[in-house]
PDB file of N, CA and C in Angstrom:
ATOM      1  N   UNK A   1      -9.736  -3.213  -2.919  1.00  0.00           N
ATOM      2  CA  UNK A   1      -8.728  -3.022  -2.437  1.00  0.00           C
ATOM      3  C   UNK A   1      -8.831  -3.580  -0.840  1.00  0.00           C
ATOM      4  N   UNK A   2      -8.200  -4.642  -0.567  1.00  0.00           N
ATOM      5  CA  UNK A   2      -8.432  -5.288   0.919  1.00  0.00           C
ATOM      6  C   UNK A   2      -7.437  -4.487   1.654  1.00  0.00           C
ATOM      7  N   UNK A   3      -7.164  -4.319   3.034  1.00  0.00           N
ATOM      8  CA  UNK A   3      -6.398  -3.727   3.836  1.00  0.00           C
ATOM      9  C   UNK A   3      -4.972  -4.441   3.451  1.00  0.00           C
ATOM     10  N   UNK A   4      -4.748  -5.951   3.442  1.00  0.00           N
ATOM     11  CA  UNK A   4      -3.653  -6.700   2.986  1.00  0.00           C
ATOM     12  C   UNK A   4      -3.033  -6.430   2.145  1.00  0.00           C
ATOM     13  N   UNK A   5      -3.832  -5.740   1.107  1.00  0.00           N
ATOM     14  CA  UNK A   5      -2.900  -5.634  -0.098  1.00  0.00           C
ATOM     15  C   UNK A   5      -2.604  -3.898  -0.166  1.00  0.00           C
ATOM     16  N   UNK A   6      -3.179  -3.228   0.622  1.00  0.00           N
ATOM     17  CA  UNK A   6      -2.552  -1.726   1.054  1.00  0.00           C
ATOM     18  C   UNK A   6      -1.157  -1.933   1.467  1.00  0.00           C
ATOM     19  N   UNK A   7      -1.031  -2.834   2.960  1.00  0.00           N
ATOM     20  CA  UNK A   7       0.031  -3.332   3.545  1.00  0.00           C
ATOM     21  C   UNK A   7       1.141  -3.352   2.454  1.00  0.00           C
ATOM     22  N   UNK A   8       0.948  -4.545   1.901  1.00  0.00           N
ATOM     23  CA  UNK A   8       1.904  -5.399   0.852  1.00  0.00           C
ATOM     24  C   UNK A   8       2.211  -4.312  -0.307  1.00  0.00           C
ATOM     25  N   UNK A   9       1.126  -3.532  -0.685  1.00  0.00           N
ATOM     26  CA  UNK A   9       2.148  -2.371  -1.719  1.00  0.00           C
ATOM     27  C   UNK A   9       3.055  -1.679  -1.105  1.00  0.00           C
ATOM     28  N   UNK A  10       2.643  -0.896   0.476  1.00  0.00           N
ATOM     29  CA  UNK A  10       3.442   0.163   1.114  1.00  0.00           C
ATOM     30  C   UNK A  10       4.669  -0.871   1.634  1.00  0.00           C
ATOM     31  N   UNK A  11       4.964  -2.057   1.757  1.00  0.00           N
ATOM     32  CA  UNK A  11       5.660  -2.599   2.814  1.00  0.00           C
ATOM     33  C   UNK A  11       6.437  -3.626   1.748  1.00  0.00           C
ATOM     34  N   UNK A  12       6.039  -4.281   1.085  1.00  0.00           N
ATOM     35  CA  UNK A  12       6.760  -5.776   0.579  1.00  0.00           C
ATOM     36  C   UNK A  12       6.833  -5.706  -0.863  1.00  0.00           C
ATOM     37  N   UNK A  13       6.356  -4.936  -1.609  1.00  0.00           N
ATOM     38  CA  UNK A  13       6.392  -5.434  -3.007  1.00  0.00           C
ATOM     39  C   UNK A  13       7.795  -4.791  -3.690  1.00  0.00           C
ATOM     40  N   UNK A  14       8.089  -3.593  -3.215  1.00  0.00           N
ATOM     41  CA  UNK A  14       9.570  -2.730  -3.961  1.00  0.00           C
ATOM     42  C   UNK A  14       9.909  -1.817  -2.764  1.00  0.00           C
ATOM     43  N   UNK A  15      11.212  -2.074  -3.136  1.00  0.00           N
ATOM     44  CA  UNK A  15      12.084  -1.491  -2.404  1.00  0.00           C
ATOM     45  C   UNK A  15      11.856   0.235  -1.967  1.00  0.00           C
ATOM     46  N   UNK A  16      11.583   0.497  -3.552  1.00  0.00           N
ATOM     47  CA  UNK A  16      11.554   1.851  -3.602  1.00  0.00           C
ATOM     48  C   UNK A  16       9.762   2.583  -3.775  1.00  0.00           C
ATOM     49  N   UNK A  17       8.873   1.917  -3.117  1.00  0.00           N
ATOM     50  CA  UNK A  17       7.307   2.005  -3.319  1.00  0.00           C
ATOM     51  C   UNK A  17       7.464   3.723  -2.884  1.00  0.00           C
ATOM     52  N   UNK A  18       8.004   4.435  -2.056  1.00  0.00           N
ATOM     53  CA  UNK A  18       7.804   5.805  -1.853  1.00  0.00           C
ATOM     54  C   UNK A  18       8.408   6.489  -3.112  1.00  0.00           C
ATOM     55  N   UNK A  19       8.857   6.087  -4.058  1.00  0.00           N
ATOM     56  CA  UNK A  19       9.454   6.918  -5.426  1.00  0.00           C
ATOM     57  C   UNK A  19       8.686   6.478  -6.361  1.00  0.00           C
ATOM     58  N   UNK A  20       7.759   5.590  -6.363  1.00  0.00           N
ATOM     59  CA  UNK A  20       6.883   5.037  -7.500  1.00  0.00           C
ATOM     60  C   UNK A  20       5.745   6.044  -7.628  1.00  0.00           C
ATOM     61  N   UNK A  21       5.300   6.519  -8.662  1.00  0.00           N
ATOM     62  CA  UNK A  21       4.133   7.111  -9.019  1.00  0.00           C
ATOM     63  C   UNK A  21       2.733   6.344  -8.869  1.00  0.00           C
ATOM     64  N   UNK A  22       1.578   6.933  -8.446  1.00  0.00           N
ATOM     65  CA  UNK A  22       0.614   6.295  -8.156  1.00  0.00           C
ATOM     66  C   UNK A  22       0.267   5.368  -9.357  1.00  0.00           C
ATOM     67  N   UNK A  23       0.412   5.823 -10.495  1.00  0.00           N
ATOM     68  CA  UNK A  23       0.256   4.913 -11.820  1.00  0.00           C
ATOM     69  C   UNK A  23       1.107   3.627 -11.714  1.00  0.00           C
ATOM     70  N   UNK A  24       1.931   3.772 -11.125  1.00  0.00           N
ATOM     71  CA  UNK A  24       3.235   2.546 -11.012  1.00  0.00           C
ATOM     72  C   UNK A  24       2.778   1.589 -10.000  1.00  0.00           C
ATOM     73  N   UNK A  25       2.025   2.518  -8.955  1.00  0.00           N
ATOM     74  CA  UNK A  25       1.764   1.430  -7.863  1.00  0.00           C
ATOM     75  C   UNK A  25       0.521   0.559  -8.392  1.00  0.00           C
ATOM     76  N   UNK A  26      -0.418   1.663  -9.022  1.00  0.00           N
ATOM     77  CA  UNK A  26      -1.605   0.845  -9.206  1.00  0.00           C
ATOM     78  C   UNK A  26      -1.592  -0.032 -10.043  1.00  0.00           C
ATOM     79  N   UNK A  27      -0.379  -0.173 -11.056  1.00  0.00           N
ATOM     80  CA  UNK A  27      -0.189  -1.319 -11.994  1.00  0.00           C
ATOM     81  C   UNK A  27       0.638  -2.600 -11.365  1.00  0.00           C
ATOM     82  N   UNK A  28       1.460  -2.391 -10.500  1.00  0.00           N
ATOM     83  CA  UNK A  28       1.911  -3.245  -9.392  1.00  0.00           C
ATOM     84  C   UNK A  28       0.840  -3.833  -8.701  1.00  0.00           C
ATOM     85  N   UNK A  29      -0.069  -3.570  -8.186  1.00  0.00           N
ATOM     86  CA  UNK A  29      -1.135  -3.998  -7.703  1.00  0.00           C
ATOM     87  C   UNK A  29      -2.114  -4.864  -8.618  1.00  0.00           C
ATOM     88  N   UNK A  30      -2.253  -4.396  -9.582  1.00  0.00           N
ATOM     89  CA  UNK A  30      -2.674  -5.631 -10.667  1.00  0.00           C
ATOM     90  C   UNK A  30      -2.115  -6.613 -11.131  1.00  0.00           C
ATOM     91  N   UNK A  31      -0.664  -6.251 -11.399  1.00  0.00           N
ATOM     92  CA  UNK A  31       0.100  -7.466 -11.741  1.00  0.00           C
ATOM     93  C   UNK A  31       0.435  -8.507 -10.592  1.00  0.00           C
ATOM     94  N   UNK A  32       0.338  -8.178  -9.299  1.00  0.00           N
ATOM     95  CA  UNK A  32       0.444  -8.842  -8.453  1.00  0.00           C
ATOM     96  C   UNK A  32      -0.346  -9.671  -8.000  1.00  0.00           C
ATOM     97  N   UNK A  33      -1.743  -8.918  -7.744  1.00  0.00           N
ATOM     98  CA  UNK A  33      -2.580  -9.100  -6.715  1.00  0.00           C
ATOM     99  C   UNK A  33      -3.904  -9.165  -7.645  1.00  0.00           C
ATOM    100  N   UNK A  34      -4.040  -9.080  -9.101  1.00  0.00           N
ATOM    101  CA  UNK A  34      -4.985  -8.624  -9.980  1.00  0.00           C
ATOM    102  C   UNK A  34      -6.244  -7.923  -9.661  1.00  0.00           C
ATOM    103  N   UNK A  35      -5.646  -6.859  -8.628  1.00  0.00           N
ATOM    104  CA  UNK A  35      -6.404  -5.351  -7.924  1.00  0.00           C
ATOM    105  C   UNK A  35      -6.558  -4.614  -8.957  1.00  0.00           C
ATOM    106  N   UNK A  36      -7.890  -4.239  -9.304  1.00  0.00           N
ATOM    107  CA  UNK A  36      -7.635  -2.949 -10.113  1.00  0.00           C
ATOM    108  C   UNK A  36      -8.158  -1.832  -9.455  1.00  0.00           C
ATOM    109  N   UNK A  37      -7.277  -0.660  -9.658  1.00  0.00           N
ATOM    110  CA  UNK A  37      -7.450   0.373  -8.624  1.00  0.00           C
ATOM    111  C   UNK A  37      -7.321   1.386  -9.233  1.00  0.00           C
ATOM    112  N   UNK A  38      -7.664   2.708  -9.131  1.00  0.00           N
ATOM    113  CA  UNK A  38      -7.232   3.691  -9.801  1.00  0.00           C
ATOM    114  C   UNK A  38      -6.521   4.713  -8.984  1.00  0.00           C
ATOM    115  N   UNK A  39      -5.704   5.630  -9.923  1.00  0.00           N
ATOM    116  CA  UNK A  39      -4.914   6.607  -9.178  1.00  0.00           C
ATOM    117  C   UNK A  39      -5.523   7.375  -8.293  1.00  0.00           C
ATOM    118  N   UNK A  40      -6.733   7.730  -8.435  1.00  0.00           N
ATOM    119  CA  UNK A  40      -7.413   8.545  -7.424  1.00  0.00           C
ATOM    120  C   UNK A  40      -7.663   8.010  -6.015  1.00  0.00           C
ATOM    121  N   UNK A  41      -8.209   6.717  -6.300  1.00  0.00           N
ATOM    122  CA  UNK A  41      -8.737   5.650  -5.310  1.00  0.00           C
ATOM    123  C   UNK A  41      -7.670   5.693  -4.661  1.00  0.00           C
ATOM    124  N   UNK A  42      -6.004   5.142  -5.117  1.00  0.00           N
ATOM    125  CA  UNK A  42      -5.079   4.999  -4.091  1.00  0.00           C
ATOM    126  C   UNK A  42      -4.825   6.189  -3.340  1.00  0.00           C
ATOM    127  N   UNK A  43      -4.668   7.513  -4.271  1.00  0.00           N
ATOM    128  CA  UNK A  43      -4.379   8.502  -3.569  1.00  0.00           C
ATOM    129  C   UNK A  43      -5.200   8.898  -2.125  1.00  0.00           C
ATOM    130  N   UNK A  44      -6.622   8.599  -2.293  1.00  0.00           N
ATOM    131  CA  UNK A  44      -7.480   9.107  -1.535  1.00  0.00           C
ATOM    132  C   UNK A  44      -7.005   7.883  -0.008  1.00  0.00           C
ATOM    133  N   UNK A  45      -6.468   6.699  -0.151  1.00  0.00           N
ATOM    134  CA  UNK A  45      -6.316   5.918   0.769  1.00  0.00           C
ATOM    135  C   UNK A  45      -5.075   6.385   1.373  1.00  0.00           C
ATOM    136  N   UNK A  46      -4.307   7.362   0.566  1.00  0.00           N
ATOM    137  CA  UNK A  46      -3.102   7.359   1.153  1.00  0.00           C
ATOM    138  C   UNK A  46      -2.979   8.869   1.696  1.00  0.00           C
ATOM    139  N   UNK A  47      -3.528   8.470   3.118  1.00  0.00           N
ATOM    140  CA  UNK A  47      -3.718   9.835   4.233  1.00  0.00           C
ATOM    141  C   UNK A  47      -3.192   9.516   5.604  1.00  0.00           C
ATOM    142  N   UNK A  48      -3.319  10.360   6.272  1.00  0.00           N
ATOM    143  CA  UNK A  48      -3.058  10.143   7.972  1.00  0.00           C
ATOM    144  C   UNK A  48      -3.624   8.528   8.387  1.00  0.00           C
ATOM    145  N   UNK A  49      -4.370   8.645   7.803  1.00  0.00           N
ATOM    146  CA  UNK A  49      -5.329   7.448   8.389  1.00  0.00           C
ATOM    147  C   UNK A  49      -4.555   6.062   8.307  1.00  0.00           C
ATOM    148  N   UNK A  50      -3.809   6.295   6.599  1.00  0.00           N
ATOM    149  CA  UNK A  50      -3.458   5.032   6.041  1.00  0.00           C
ATOM    150  C   UNK A  50      -1.795   4.951   7.141  1.00  0.00           C
ATOM    151  N   UNK A  51      -1.312   6.292   7.074  1.00  0.00           N
ATOM    152  CA  UNK A  51       0.110   5.824   8.050  1.00  0.00           C
ATOM    153  C   UNK A  51      -0.151   5.661   9.492  1.00  0.00           C
ATOM    154  N   UNK A  52      -1.265   5.841  10.149  1.00  0.00           N
ATOM    155  CA  UNK A  52      -1.481   5.462  11.533  1.00  0.00           C
ATOM    156  C   UNK A  52      -1.803   4.007  11.600  1.00  0.00           C
ATOM    157  N   UNK A  53      -2.542   3.502  10.473  1.00  0.00           N
ATOM    158  CA  UNK A  53      -2.727   1.935  10.526  1.00  0.00           C
ATOM    159  C   UNK A  53      -1.328   1.252  10.078  1.00  0.00           C
ATOM    160  N   UNK A  54      -0.604   1.610   9.258  1.00  0.00           N
ATOM    161  CA  UNK A  54       0.641   1.205   8.826  1.00  0.00           C
ATOM    162  C   UNK A  54       1.230   1.099  10.360  1.00  0.00           C
ATOM    163  N   UNK A  55       1.388   2.198  10.835  1.00  0.00           N
ATOM    164  CA  UNK A  55       2.690   2.103  12.371  1.00  0.00           C
ATOM    165  C   UNK A  55       1.893   1.252  13.144  1.00  0.00           C
ATOM    166  N   UNK A  56       0.447   1.027  13.148  1.00  0.00           N
ATOM    167  CA  UNK A  56      -0.330   0.216  14.503  1.00  0.00           C
ATOM    168  C   UNK A  56       0.083  -1.244  13.776  1.00  0.00           C
ATOM    169  N   UNK A  57       0.005  -1.574  12.660  1.00  0.00           N
ATOM    170  CA  UNK A  57       0.124  -3.080  12.066  1.00  0.00           C
ATOM    171  C   UNK A  57       1.771  -3.535  12.409  1.00  0.00           C
ATOM    172  N   UNK A  58       2.515  -2.409  11.966  1.00  0.00           N
ATOM    173  CA  UNK A  58       3.967  -2.743  12.019  1.00  0.00           C
ATOM    174  C   UNK A  58       4.674  -2.866  13.685  1.00  0.00           C
ATOM    175  N   UNK A  59       3.791  -1.798  14.538  1.00  0.00           N
ATOM    176  CA  UNK A  59       4.129  -2.348  15.762  1.00  0.00           C
ATOM    177  C   UNK A  59       3.805  -3.345  16.542  1.00  0.00           C
ATOM    178  N   UNK A  60       2.711  -3.709  16.294  1.00  0.00           N
ATOM    179  CA  UNK A  60       2.240  -4.911  16.290  1.00  0.00           C
ATOM    180  C   UNK A  60       3.322  -6.249  16.125  1.00  0.00           C
ATOM    181  N   UNK A  61       3.610  -5.969  14.771  1.00  0.00           N
ATOM    182  CA  UNK A  61       4.633  -7.292  14.424  1.00  0.00           C
ATOM    183  C   UNK A  61       5.740  -7.051  15.278  1.00  0.00           C
ATOM    184  N   UNK A  62       6.386  -6.081  15.545  1.00  0.00           N
ATOM    185  CA  UNK A  62       7.776  -6.015  15.860  1.00  0.00           C
ATOM    186  C   UNK A  62       7.608  -6.074  17.373  1.00  0.00           C
ATOM    187  N   UNK A  63       6.592  -6.189  18.148  1.00  0.00           N
ATOM    188  CA  UNK A  63       6.566  -6.442  19.247  1.00  0.00           C
ATOM    189  C   UNK A  63       6.227  -8.055  19.809  1.00  0.00           C
ATOM    190  N   UNK A  64       5.969  -8.494  18.490  1.00  0.00           N
ATOM    191  CA  UNK A  64       5.748 -10.291  18.885  1.00  0.00           C
ATOM    192  C   UNK A  64       7.143 -10.600  18.444  1.00  0.00           C
TER     193      UNK A  64
END
């Protein structure tokens, strides 16, 4: 999974991303981007570093 896939999954694919299970998010990635990722791999990427990464990206976007 590329960083842009993670950003899109967290921010753009569904309004209720925070309410979906990891399995549903994995299925969404596969359906939209043909990215095959396991629930465990997605879980490992959903950590404080991911939150900081997303905050940095969105702060940059909003400043422009």
